Amino acid sequence: MDSPDNRNGIVAVASLLVLSSFSIVAVAQNSDTGEGSIVWGLILLPFIMLALFGILWSLAYPALFIWGAAFSSGNIEKSHQDAISRRMVSREKAGKEMLNTVNGGYRGDVSSSGLVHANGVFGPSHWQLLIAFFNNLVGGSVTSFQQVISAGRAEVMQRLREQAEAQGWDEVINVRIDTSSMTPQSQNNKKTVRGVEIFAYGTGIRYN
């Protein structure tokens, strides 16, 4: 049974062929009136645009792949260190760690509370996907993915702190982290992870 992607491709090609057939008939009818060149231009325009896109992609993808191989790990580590630095600033400003996982039953002087949440979507570069593929052949820890997830969690937790500060909460209790993979369907009808959403949430508390 054909997959939805294959059926959509067949429909698109069939529609293009039908459109081309009608356009050729129109050209034949208008060739003596001088309108044939305009119609031919309209026919060829989609193919020219596709050809230009293919040329640009064939040049851009290798450059982006090399850029990812050279700088992706460094950029992720830089982002991780930036989140850690911002966390230290938040701790110094609040005088304590604002986030904790307790349920809040240890204090009774609460004046107000509310939901606080933050999220982010993170994914590896194609170079890191290639490294992970070879890593999976022999098994073990997938370091490239672990680096992305660690940096993503640090960033989202810091966003949660900053969100709590912006809303004026004194503390965020019962903090939890959820993750969900973003898996667009590939052409071979297999689902592969292209990104991970990290969602952190908790209960903001304001004391008397």
N, C-alpha and C. Protein backbone atom coordinates (compact mmCIF):
# COMPACT_ATOMS: atom_id res chain seq x y z
N MET A 1 0.84 -1.20 0.00
CA MET A 1 0.00 0.00 0.00
C MET A 1 0.87 1.24 0.00
N ASP A 2 0.55 2.21 -0.86
CA ASP A 2 1.36 3.41 -0.96
C ASP A 2 1.20 4.25 0.29
N SER A 3 2.30 4.91 0.67
CA SER A 3 2.27 5.81 1.81
C SER A 3 1.63 7.12 1.40
N PRO A 4 1.18 7.96 2.37
CA PRO A 4 0.60 9.26 2.03
C PRO A 4 1.56 10.14 1.26
N ASP A 5 2.87 10.06 1.58
CA ASP A 5 3.84 10.88 0.86
C ASP A 5 3.91 10.49 -0.61
N ASN A 6 3.88 9.17 -0.89
CA ASN A 6 3.93 8.71 -2.27
C ASN A 6 2.68 9.13 -3.04
N ARG A 7 1.51 9.01 -2.39
CA ARG A 7 0.27 9.40 -3.06
C ARG A 7 0.27 10.90 -3.35
N ASN A 8 0.75 11.69 -2.41
CA ASN A 8 0.80 13.13 -2.64
C ASN A 8 1.75 13.47 -3.78
N GLY A 9 2.86 12.74 -3.87
CA GLY A 9 3.80 12.98 -4.97
C GLY A 9 3.20 12.63 -6.31
N ILE A 10 2.45 11.51 -6.37
CA ILE A 10 1.82 11.11 -7.62
C ILE A 10 0.78 12.13 -8.05
N VAL A 11 -0.02 12.61 -7.09
CA VAL A 11 -1.04 13.62 -7.40
C VAL A 11 -0.39 14.90 -7.91
N ALA A 12 0.72 15.30 -7.28
CA ALA A 12 1.40 16.53 -7.70
C ALA A 12 1.95 16.40 -9.12
N VAL A 13 2.57 15.25 -9.43
CA VAL A 13 3.10 15.05 -10.78
C VAL A 13 1.99 15.00 -11.81
N ALA A 14 0.89 14.30 -11.47
CA ALA A 14 -0.24 14.22 -12.40
C ALA A 14 -0.84 15.59 -12.65
N SER A 15 -0.97 16.39 -11.60
CA SER A 15 -1.51 17.74 -11.76
C SER A 15 -0.61 18.59 -12.64
N LEU A 16 0.71 18.45 -12.45
CA LEU A 16 1.65 19.21 -13.26
C LEU A 16 1.57 18.80 -14.73
N LEU A 17 1.42 17.49 -14.98
CA LEU A 17 1.30 17.02 -16.37
C LEU A 17 0.02 17.53 -17.02
N VAL A 18 -1.08 17.51 -16.26
CA VAL A 18 -2.35 18.01 -16.81
C VAL A 18 -2.24 19.50 -17.12
N LEU A 19 -1.64 20.25 -16.19
CA LEU A 19 -1.48 21.69 -16.41
C LEU A 19 -0.60 21.95 -17.62
N SER A 20 0.45 21.17 -17.77
CA SER A 20 1.33 21.34 -18.92
C SER A 20 0.60 21.03 -20.22
N SER A 21 -0.25 20.00 -20.21
CA SER A 21 -0.99 19.64 -21.42
C SER A 21 -1.93 20.76 -21.84
N PHE A 22 -2.67 21.31 -20.88
CA PHE A 22 -3.56 22.42 -21.21
C PHE A 22 -2.78 23.64 -21.69
N SER A 23 -1.61 23.86 -21.09
CA SER A 23 -0.81 25.01 -21.48
C SER A 23 -0.27 24.85 -22.90
N ILE A 24 0.14 23.63 -23.25
CA ILE A 24 0.64 23.38 -24.61
C ILE A 24 -0.47 23.60 -25.63
N VAL A 25 -1.68 23.15 -25.30
CA VAL A 25 -2.81 23.39 -26.20
C VAL A 25 -3.06 24.88 -26.36
N ALA A 26 -2.96 25.62 -25.25
CA ALA A 26 -3.16 27.06 -25.31
C ALA A 26 -2.09 27.72 -26.16
N VAL A 27 -0.85 27.24 -26.05
CA VAL A 27 0.23 27.79 -26.86
C VAL A 27 -0.04 27.55 -28.34
N ALA A 28 -0.49 26.34 -28.65
CA ALA A 28 -0.77 26.02 -30.05
C ALA A 28 -1.87 26.91 -30.61
N GLN A 29 -2.85 27.23 -29.80
CA GLN A 29 -3.95 28.06 -30.27
C GLN A 29 -3.56 29.52 -30.40
N ASN A 30 -2.59 29.97 -29.58
CA ASN A 30 -2.23 31.38 -29.55
C ASN A 30 -0.89 31.68 -30.21
N SER A 31 -0.32 30.69 -30.86
CA SER A 31 1.01 30.89 -31.44
C SER A 31 1.00 31.93 -32.54
N ASP A 32 -0.14 32.08 -33.24
CA ASP A 32 -0.21 33.05 -34.33
C ASP A 32 -0.55 34.45 -33.84
N THR A 33 -0.94 34.59 -32.60
CA THR A 33 -1.36 35.90 -32.09
C THR A 33 -0.27 36.59 -31.28
N GLY A 34 0.88 35.98 -31.13
CA GLY A 34 1.96 36.59 -30.38
C GLY A 34 1.89 36.36 -28.89
N GLU A 35 0.87 35.63 -28.43
CA GLU A 35 0.75 35.35 -27.00
C GLU A 35 1.44 34.05 -26.61
N GLY A 36 1.97 33.34 -27.60
CA GLY A 36 2.59 32.04 -27.31
C GLY A 36 3.81 32.16 -26.41
N SER A 37 4.62 33.21 -26.61
CA SER A 37 5.83 33.35 -25.79
C SER A 37 5.49 33.58 -24.33
N ILE A 38 4.41 34.32 -24.06
CA ILE A 38 4.01 34.57 -22.67
C ILE A 38 3.56 33.27 -22.01
N VAL A 39 2.77 32.50 -22.75
CA VAL A 39 2.28 31.23 -22.20
C VAL A 39 3.43 30.27 -21.95
N TRP A 40 4.39 30.24 -22.91
CA TRP A 40 5.55 29.38 -22.72
C TRP A 40 6.35 29.79 -21.49
N GLY A 41 6.44 31.10 -21.28
CA GLY A 41 7.13 31.57 -20.08
C GLY A 41 6.46 31.12 -18.81
N LEU A 42 5.11 31.15 -18.80
CA LEU A 42 4.38 30.69 -17.63
C LEU A 42 4.56 29.19 -17.42
N ILE A 43 4.68 28.44 -18.52
CA ILE A 43 4.88 26.99 -18.41
C ILE A 43 6.25 26.68 -17.82
N LEU A 44 7.26 27.38 -18.32
CA LEU A 44 8.64 27.07 -17.92
C LEU A 44 9.02 27.65 -16.57
N LEU A 45 8.27 28.65 -16.09
CA LEU A 45 8.64 29.32 -14.84
C LEU A 45 8.75 28.36 -13.66
N PRO A 46 7.77 27.45 -13.41
CA PRO A 46 7.94 26.52 -12.26
C PRO A 46 9.17 25.64 -12.38
N PHE A 47 9.46 25.17 -13.62
CA PHE A 47 10.62 24.31 -13.80
C PHE A 47 11.93 25.08 -13.58
N ILE A 48 11.95 26.34 -14.03
CA ILE A 48 13.14 27.17 -13.80
C ILE A 48 13.36 27.41 -12.31
N MET A 49 12.26 27.68 -11.59
CA MET A 49 12.37 27.91 -10.15
C MET A 49 12.85 26.66 -9.43
N LEU A 50 12.33 25.48 -9.84
CA LEU A 50 12.78 24.23 -9.23
C LEU A 50 14.25 23.98 -9.51
N ALA A 51 14.68 24.27 -10.74
CA ALA A 51 16.08 24.07 -11.09
C ALA A 51 16.99 24.99 -10.28
N LEU A 52 16.59 26.26 -10.13
CA LEU A 52 17.38 27.19 -9.33
C LEU A 52 17.45 26.75 -7.87
N PHE A 53 16.31 26.28 -7.34
CA PHE A 53 16.31 25.80 -5.96
C PHE A 53 17.24 24.60 -5.80
N GLY A 54 17.21 23.68 -6.78
CA GLY A 54 18.10 22.52 -6.71
C GLY A 54 19.56 22.91 -6.74
N ILE A 55 19.90 23.89 -7.59
CA ILE A 55 21.29 24.34 -7.66
C ILE A 55 21.72 25.00 -6.36
N LEU A 56 20.86 25.88 -5.82
CA LEU A 56 21.19 26.55 -4.56
C LEU A 56 21.33 25.55 -3.42
N TRP A 57 20.43 24.56 -3.38
CA TRP A 57 20.49 23.57 -2.30
C TRP A 57 21.74 22.71 -2.41
N SER A 58 22.12 22.33 -3.64
CA SER A 58 23.31 21.51 -3.83
C SER A 58 24.58 22.25 -3.41
N LEU A 59 24.56 23.58 -3.48
CA LEU A 59 25.71 24.37 -3.04
C LEU A 59 25.65 24.67 -1.54
N ALA A 60 24.44 24.92 -1.03
CA ALA A 60 24.31 25.35 0.36
C ALA A 60 24.46 24.19 1.34
N TYR A 61 23.92 23.01 0.99
CA TYR A 61 23.93 21.91 1.96
C TYR A 61 25.35 21.48 2.35
N PRO A 62 26.27 21.26 1.40
CA PRO A 62 27.63 20.91 1.83
C PRO A 62 28.27 21.97 2.72
N ALA A 63 28.03 23.25 2.39
CA ALA A 63 28.60 24.32 3.21
C ALA A 63 28.03 24.29 4.62
N LEU A 64 26.70 24.09 4.73
CA LEU A 64 26.08 24.02 6.05
C LEU A 64 26.53 22.78 6.82
N PHE A 65 26.73 21.67 6.11
CA PHE A 65 27.19 20.45 6.77
C PHE A 65 28.60 20.64 7.34
N ILE A 66 29.48 21.26 6.56
CA ILE A 66 30.84 21.52 7.03
C ILE A 66 30.82 22.50 8.21
N TRP A 67 29.96 23.52 8.10
CA TRP A 67 29.83 24.48 9.21
C TRP A 67 29.36 23.77 10.48
N GLY A 68 28.39 22.85 10.35
CA GLY A 68 27.93 22.10 11.51
C GLY A 68 29.01 21.23 12.10
N ALA A 69 29.83 20.60 11.23
CA ALA A 69 30.92 19.76 11.72
C ALA A 69 31.95 20.58 12.48
N ALA A 70 32.17 21.82 12.05
CA ALA A 70 33.21 22.65 12.66
C ALA A 70 32.74 23.38 13.91
N PHE A 71 31.47 23.80 13.94
CA PHE A 71 31.05 24.73 14.99
C PHE A 71 29.87 24.27 15.84
N SER A 72 29.15 23.21 15.45
CA SER A 72 27.92 22.87 16.18
C SER A 72 28.20 22.49 17.63
N SER A 73 29.21 21.67 17.87
CA SER A 73 29.52 21.27 19.25
C SER A 73 29.94 22.46 20.09
N GLY A 74 30.76 23.33 19.51
CA GLY A 74 31.19 24.52 20.23
C GLY A 74 30.04 25.45 20.54
N ASN A 75 29.10 25.60 19.60
CA ASN A 75 27.95 26.48 19.84
C ASN A 75 27.05 25.93 20.94
N ILE A 76 26.88 24.60 20.96
CA ILE A 76 26.05 24.00 22.01
C ILE A 76 26.71 24.18 23.37
N GLU A 77 28.02 23.96 23.43
CA GLU A 77 28.72 24.13 24.70
C GLU A 77 28.68 25.59 25.16
N LYS A 78 28.79 26.51 24.21
CA LYS A 78 28.70 27.93 24.55
C LYS A 78 27.32 28.27 25.10
N SER A 79 26.28 27.71 24.49
CA SER A 79 24.93 27.94 24.98
C SER A 79 24.75 27.36 26.38
N HIS A 80 25.34 26.19 26.62
CA HIS A 80 25.25 25.56 27.94
C HIS A 80 25.93 26.43 29.00
N GLN A 81 27.11 26.92 28.70
CA GLN A 81 27.83 27.76 29.65
C GLN A 81 27.09 29.08 29.89
N ASP A 82 26.45 29.60 28.85
CA ASP A 82 25.67 30.83 29.01
C ASP A 82 24.50 30.61 29.96
N ALA A 83 23.82 29.46 29.85
CA ALA A 83 22.72 29.15 30.75
C ALA A 83 23.21 29.01 32.19
N ILE A 84 24.38 28.40 32.37
CA ILE A 84 24.94 28.25 33.72
C ILE A 84 25.29 29.62 34.31
N SER A 85 25.86 30.50 33.49
CA SER A 85 26.20 31.85 33.97
C SER A 85 24.95 32.62 34.38
N ARG A 86 23.90 32.53 33.58
CA ARG A 86 22.65 33.21 33.92
C ARG A 86 22.01 32.62 35.18
N ARG A 87 22.19 31.31 35.38
CA ARG A 87 21.67 30.68 36.60
C ARG A 87 22.37 31.24 37.83
N MET A 88 23.69 31.43 37.75
CA MET A 88 24.42 31.99 38.88
C MET A 88 23.96 33.41 39.19
N VAL A 89 23.69 34.19 38.14
CA VAL A 89 23.19 35.55 38.35
C VAL A 89 21.82 35.52 39.03
N SER A 90 20.96 34.62 38.59
CA SER A 90 19.62 34.51 39.19
C SER A 90 19.72 34.10 40.65
N ARG A 91 20.61 33.18 40.97
CA ARG A 91 20.77 32.75 42.36
C ARG A 91 21.28 33.89 43.25
N GLU A 92 22.23 34.65 42.73
CA GLU A 92 22.74 35.78 43.51
C GLU A 92 21.67 36.84 43.72
N LYS A 93 20.84 37.06 42.71
CA LYS A 93 19.79 38.07 42.83
C LYS A 93 18.72 37.64 43.84
N ALA A 94 18.33 36.36 43.80
CA ALA A 94 17.29 35.88 44.70
C ALA A 94 17.84 35.48 46.07
N GLY A 95 19.14 35.26 46.16
CA GLY A 95 19.73 34.82 47.42
C GLY A 95 19.54 33.35 47.70
N LYS A 96 19.00 32.61 46.74
CA LYS A 96 18.76 31.18 46.91
C LYS A 96 18.42 30.59 45.55
N GLU A 97 18.29 29.27 45.51
CA GLU A 97 17.81 28.60 44.31
C GLU A 97 16.28 28.67 44.30
N MET A 98 15.72 29.30 43.26
CA MET A 98 14.27 29.51 43.20
C MET A 98 13.50 28.24 42.88
N LEU A 99 14.14 27.29 42.22
CA LEU A 99 13.44 26.09 41.76
C LEU A 99 13.71 24.92 42.70
N ASN A 100 12.67 24.20 43.06
CA ASN A 100 12.85 22.96 43.81
C ASN A 100 11.69 22.02 43.51
N THR A 101 11.86 20.78 43.90
CA THR A 101 10.89 19.74 43.56
C THR A 101 9.97 19.37 44.71
N VAL A 102 10.05 20.06 45.85
CA VAL A 102 9.19 19.73 46.97
C VAL A 102 7.77 20.22 46.70
N ASN A 103 6.81 19.70 47.46
CA ASN A 103 5.40 20.02 47.20
C ASN A 103 4.93 21.28 47.92
N GLY A 104 5.79 21.91 48.71
CA GLY A 104 5.44 23.18 49.33
C GLY A 104 4.70 23.08 50.64
N GLY A 105 4.61 21.89 51.23
CA GLY A 105 3.88 21.74 52.47
C GLY A 105 4.62 22.18 53.71
N TYR A 106 5.84 22.68 53.55
CA TYR A 106 6.65 23.03 54.71
C TYR A 106 6.42 24.46 55.18
N ARG A 107 5.63 25.27 54.46
CA ARG A 107 5.37 26.64 54.87
C ARG A 107 3.88 26.94 54.73
N GLY A 108 3.39 27.80 55.63
CA GLY A 108 1.97 28.13 55.59
C GLY A 108 1.69 29.59 55.31
N ASP A 109 2.72 30.40 55.09
CA ASP A 109 2.53 31.84 54.89
C ASP A 109 2.50 32.20 53.41
N VAL A 110 1.72 31.46 52.63
CA VAL A 110 1.62 31.68 51.19
C VAL A 110 0.48 32.66 50.92
N SER A 111 0.79 33.72 50.19
CA SER A 111 -0.24 34.71 49.86
C SER A 111 -0.88 34.46 48.50
N SER A 112 -0.13 33.91 47.55
CA SER A 112 -0.69 33.62 46.22
C SER A 112 0.18 32.58 45.53
N SER A 113 -0.39 31.96 44.52
CA SER A 113 0.34 30.93 43.77
C SER A 113 -0.19 30.90 42.34
N GLY A 114 0.59 30.29 41.46
CA GLY A 114 0.18 30.19 40.06
C GLY A 114 1.14 29.33 39.26
N LEU A 115 0.71 28.96 38.08
CA LEU A 115 1.52 28.11 37.22
C LEU A 115 2.62 28.93 36.54
N VAL A 116 3.82 28.36 36.52
CA VAL A 116 4.96 28.94 35.80
C VAL A 116 5.50 27.87 34.87
N HIS A 117 5.76 28.24 33.62
CA HIS A 117 6.27 27.23 32.68
C HIS A 117 7.21 27.88 31.68
N ALA A 118 8.05 27.06 31.09
CA ALA A 118 8.98 27.48 30.05
C ALA A 118 9.28 26.28 29.17
N ASN A 119 9.62 26.53 27.94
CA ASN A 119 9.91 25.41 27.03
C ASN A 119 10.93 25.83 25.99
N GLY A 120 11.42 24.86 25.26
CA GLY A 120 12.35 25.09 24.16
C GLY A 120 12.45 23.83 23.32
N VAL A 121 12.80 24.00 22.05
CA VAL A 121 12.97 22.88 21.13
C VAL A 121 14.43 22.85 20.69
N PHE A 122 15.06 21.69 20.82
CA PHE A 122 16.48 21.55 20.55
C PHE A 122 16.70 20.32 19.67
N GLY A 123 17.69 20.41 18.80
CA GLY A 123 17.98 19.29 17.92
C GLY A 123 19.43 19.28 17.50
N PRO A 124 19.95 18.12 17.15
CA PRO A 124 21.34 18.01 16.70
C PRO A 124 21.50 18.45 15.25
N SER A 125 22.72 18.80 14.89
CA SER A 125 23.02 19.11 13.49
C SER A 125 23.13 17.81 12.69
N HIS A 126 23.17 17.92 11.38
CA HIS A 126 23.32 16.72 10.55
C HIS A 126 24.65 16.04 10.81
N TRP A 127 25.68 16.81 11.14
CA TRP A 127 26.96 16.21 11.49
C TRP A 127 26.83 15.37 12.76
N GLN A 128 26.13 15.89 13.75
CA GLN A 128 25.94 15.13 14.99
C GLN A 128 25.06 13.90 14.76
N LEU A 129 24.09 14.01 13.85
CA LEU A 129 23.30 12.83 13.49
C LEU A 129 24.17 11.75 12.85
N LEU A 130 25.12 12.18 12.02
CA LEU A 130 26.02 11.22 11.38
C LEU A 130 26.91 10.55 12.42
N ILE A 131 27.45 11.34 13.35
CA ILE A 131 28.29 10.77 14.40
C ILE A 131 27.48 9.80 15.26
N ALA A 132 26.23 10.17 15.57
CA ALA A 132 25.38 9.29 16.37
C ALA A 132 25.08 7.99 15.63
N PHE A 133 24.93 8.06 14.30
CA PHE A 133 24.68 6.85 13.52
C PHE A 133 25.84 5.86 13.66
N PHE A 134 27.06 6.35 13.51
CA PHE A 134 28.22 5.46 13.65
C PHE A 134 28.38 4.99 15.10
N ASN A 135 28.02 5.86 16.04
CA ASN A 135 28.09 5.48 17.45
C ASN A 135 27.13 4.35 17.76
N ASN A 136 25.94 4.38 17.14
CA ASN A 136 24.95 3.34 17.38
C ASN A 136 25.37 1.99 16.81
N LEU A 137 26.28 2.00 15.85
CA LEU A 137 26.74 0.73 15.28
C LEU A 137 27.48 -0.11 16.32
N VAL A 138 28.18 0.55 17.23
CA VAL A 138 28.94 -0.17 18.25
C VAL A 138 28.29 -0.09 19.62
N GLY A 139 27.29 0.78 19.77
CA GLY A 139 26.58 0.90 21.04
C GLY A 139 27.30 1.83 22.01
N GLY A 140 26.66 2.03 23.14
CA GLY A 140 27.23 2.90 24.16
C GLY A 140 26.53 4.24 24.23
N SER A 141 27.11 5.13 25.00
CA SER A 141 26.53 6.46 25.19
C SER A 141 26.66 7.28 23.92
N VAL A 142 25.56 7.91 23.52
CA VAL A 142 25.56 8.78 22.34
C VAL A 142 25.90 10.19 22.81
N THR A 143 27.17 10.52 22.77
CA THR A 143 27.65 11.76 23.38
C THR A 143 27.07 12.99 22.71
N SER A 144 26.93 12.95 21.38
CA SER A 144 26.44 14.13 20.67
C SER A 144 25.00 14.46 21.08
N PHE A 145 24.15 13.44 21.24
CA PHE A 145 22.78 13.68 21.67
C PHE A 145 22.74 14.12 23.14
N GLN A 146 23.59 13.50 23.95
CA GLN A 146 23.63 13.86 25.37
C GLN A 146 24.02 15.32 25.55
N GLN A 147 24.93 15.79 24.73
CA GLN A 147 25.35 17.19 24.81
C GLN A 147 24.19 18.13 24.48
N VAL A 148 23.42 17.79 23.46
CA VAL A 148 22.28 18.63 23.07
C VAL A 148 21.22 18.66 24.18
N ILE A 149 20.90 17.49 24.73
CA ILE A 149 19.86 17.41 25.76
C ILE A 149 20.30 18.13 27.04
N SER A 150 21.57 17.98 27.43
CA SER A 150 22.05 18.64 28.64
C SER A 150 21.98 20.15 28.50
N ALA A 151 22.41 20.66 27.35
CA ALA A 151 22.34 22.10 27.11
C ALA A 151 20.90 22.58 27.05
N GLY A 152 20.02 21.77 26.44
CA GLY A 152 18.61 22.15 26.35
C GLY A 152 17.94 22.21 27.71
N ARG A 153 18.22 21.24 28.57
CA ARG A 153 17.62 21.24 29.90
C ARG A 153 18.11 22.43 30.72
N ALA A 154 19.40 22.72 30.64
CA ALA A 154 19.93 23.86 31.39
C ALA A 154 19.29 25.16 30.91
N GLU A 155 19.09 25.29 29.61
CA GLU A 155 18.49 26.51 29.06
C GLU A 155 17.03 26.65 29.49
N VAL A 156 16.27 25.56 29.43
CA VAL A 156 14.85 25.63 29.78
C VAL A 156 14.67 25.89 31.27
N MET A 157 15.49 25.27 32.11
CA MET A 157 15.39 25.53 33.54
C MET A 157 15.71 26.99 33.86
N GLN A 158 16.69 27.55 33.14
CA GLN A 158 17.00 28.96 33.37
C GLN A 158 15.87 29.85 32.87
N ARG A 159 15.25 29.48 31.77
CA ARG A 159 14.08 30.24 31.30
C ARG A 159 12.96 30.21 32.33
N LEU A 160 12.83 29.08 33.02
CA LEU A 160 11.80 28.98 34.07
C LEU A 160 12.14 29.92 35.22
N ARG A 161 13.41 30.00 35.60
CA ARG A 161 13.80 30.95 36.65
C ARG A 161 13.50 32.38 36.23
N GLU A 162 13.88 32.72 35.00
CA GLU A 162 13.67 34.08 34.52
C GLU A 162 12.18 34.41 34.41
N GLN A 163 11.38 33.42 34.03
CA GLN A 163 9.94 33.64 33.96
C GLN A 163 9.37 33.88 35.36
N ALA A 164 9.86 33.12 36.34
CA ALA A 164 9.39 33.31 37.72
C ALA A 164 9.79 34.68 38.24
N GLU A 165 11.00 35.12 37.93
CA GLU A 165 11.44 36.45 38.35
C GLU A 165 10.58 37.54 37.71
N ALA A 166 10.28 37.38 36.42
CA ALA A 166 9.49 38.39 35.72
C ALA A 166 8.07 38.49 36.28
N GLN A 167 7.53 37.37 36.76
CA GLN A 167 6.17 37.37 37.31
C GLN A 167 6.14 37.70 38.80
N GLY A 168 7.30 37.86 39.40
CA GLY A 168 7.36 38.28 40.80
C GLY A 168 7.16 37.18 41.82
N TRP A 169 7.41 35.92 41.45
CA TRP A 169 7.28 34.83 42.41
C TRP A 169 8.52 34.75 43.28
N ASP A 170 8.32 34.37 44.54
CA ASP A 170 9.45 34.20 45.46
C ASP A 170 10.13 32.85 45.29
N GLU A 171 9.37 31.87 44.82
CA GLU A 171 9.89 30.51 44.70
C GLU A 171 9.00 29.73 43.74
N VAL A 172 9.57 28.71 43.13
CA VAL A 172 8.80 27.80 42.28
C VAL A 172 8.97 26.40 42.84
N ILE A 173 7.87 25.81 43.27
CA ILE A 173 7.92 24.49 43.90
C ILE A 173 7.33 23.45 42.96
N ASN A 174 7.56 22.19 43.31
CA ASN A 174 7.02 21.06 42.56
C ASN A 174 7.41 21.13 41.07
N VAL A 175 8.67 21.46 40.83
CA VAL A 175 9.16 21.63 39.45
C VAL A 175 9.26 20.26 38.77
N ARG A 176 8.79 20.19 37.55
CA ARG A 176 8.84 18.97 36.75
C ARG A 176 9.33 19.30 35.34
N ILE A 177 9.93 18.31 34.70
CA ILE A 177 10.41 18.45 33.32
C ILE A 177 9.81 17.34 32.48
N ASP A 178 9.22 17.71 31.36
CA ASP A 178 8.71 16.75 30.38
C ASP A 178 9.46 16.93 29.07
N THR A 179 9.63 15.85 28.35
CA THR A 179 10.25 15.91 27.02
C THR A 179 9.36 15.18 26.03
N SER A 180 9.35 15.67 24.81
CA SER A 180 8.61 15.02 23.74
C SER A 180 9.42 15.16 22.46
N SER A 181 9.53 14.07 21.73
CA SER A 181 10.31 14.08 20.49
C SER A 181 9.46 14.58 19.34
N MET A 182 10.09 15.32 18.45
CA MET A 182 9.44 15.81 17.24
C MET A 182 9.95 14.94 16.10
N THR A 183 9.05 14.13 15.53
CA THR A 183 9.46 13.10 14.57
C THR A 183 8.68 13.24 13.27
N PRO A 184 9.11 14.12 12.37
CA PRO A 184 8.44 14.19 11.06
C PRO A 184 8.64 12.91 10.28
N GLN A 185 7.62 12.53 9.52
CA GLN A 185 7.67 11.27 8.79
C GLN A 185 8.59 11.40 7.58
N SER A 186 9.53 10.49 7.46
CA SER A 186 10.48 10.52 6.36
C SER A 186 9.91 9.81 5.14
N GLN A 187 10.65 9.85 4.04
CA GLN A 187 10.16 9.29 2.79
C GLN A 187 10.04 7.78 2.84
N ASN A 188 10.87 7.13 3.65
CA ASN A 188 10.81 5.67 3.73
C ASN A 188 9.82 5.19 4.79
N ASN A 189 8.93 6.11 5.21
CA ASN A 189 7.83 5.77 6.13
C ASN A 189 8.34 5.33 7.50
N LYS A 190 9.53 5.80 7.87
CA LYS A 190 10.06 5.54 9.20
C LYS A 190 10.16 6.86 9.94
N LYS A 191 9.88 6.81 11.22
CA LYS A 191 9.92 8.03 12.02
C LYS A 191 11.30 8.19 12.64
N THR A 192 11.90 9.34 12.42
CA THR A 192 13.22 9.63 12.96
C THR A 192 13.14 10.94 13.73
N VAL A 193 13.83 11.00 14.85
CA VAL A 193 13.80 12.18 15.71
C VAL A 193 14.62 13.29 15.07
N ARG A 194 14.02 14.46 14.92
CA ARG A 194 14.72 15.62 14.40
C ARG A 194 14.85 16.72 15.44
N GLY A 195 14.09 16.62 16.51
CA GLY A 195 14.17 17.62 17.57
C GLY A 195 13.45 17.12 18.81
N VAL A 196 13.77 17.72 19.93
CA VAL A 196 13.15 17.35 21.21
C VAL A 196 12.66 18.62 21.88
N GLU A 197 11.39 18.62 22.28
CA GLU A 197 10.86 19.73 23.06
C GLU A 197 11.04 19.41 24.54
N ILE A 198 11.60 20.35 25.26
CA ILE A 198 11.77 20.23 26.71
C ILE A 198 10.85 21.25 27.36
N PHE A 199 9.98 20.77 28.23
CA PHE A 199 8.96 21.61 28.87
C PHE A 199 9.12 21.50 30.37
N ALA A 200 9.39 22.64 31.01
CA ALA A 200 9.55 22.69 32.47
C ALA A 200 8.42 23.52 33.06
N TYR A 201 7.89 23.07 34.19
CA TYR A 201 6.78 23.79 34.81
C TYR A 201 6.81 23.56 36.32
N GLY A 202 6.13 24.44 37.02
CA GLY A 202 6.04 24.34 38.47
C GLY A 202 5.01 25.32 39.00
N THR A 203 4.88 25.36 40.32
CA THR A 203 3.93 26.25 40.97
C THR A 203 4.67 27.44 41.57
N GLY A 204 4.38 28.61 41.04
CA GLY A 204 4.98 29.82 41.58
C GLY A 204 4.32 30.20 42.91
N ILE A 205 5.15 30.55 43.89
CA ILE A 205 4.67 30.87 45.23
C ILE A 205 5.11 32.28 45.60
N ARG A 206 4.17 33.04 46.17
CA ARG A 206 4.49 34.36 46.73
C ARG A 206 4.14 34.33 48.22
N TYR A 207 5.13 34.64 49.05
CA TYR A 207 4.94 34.57 50.50
C TYR A 207 4.56 35.93 51.07
N ASN A 208 3.97 35.89 52.27
CA ASN A 208 3.59 37.12 52.96
C ASN A 208 4.84 37.89 53.41
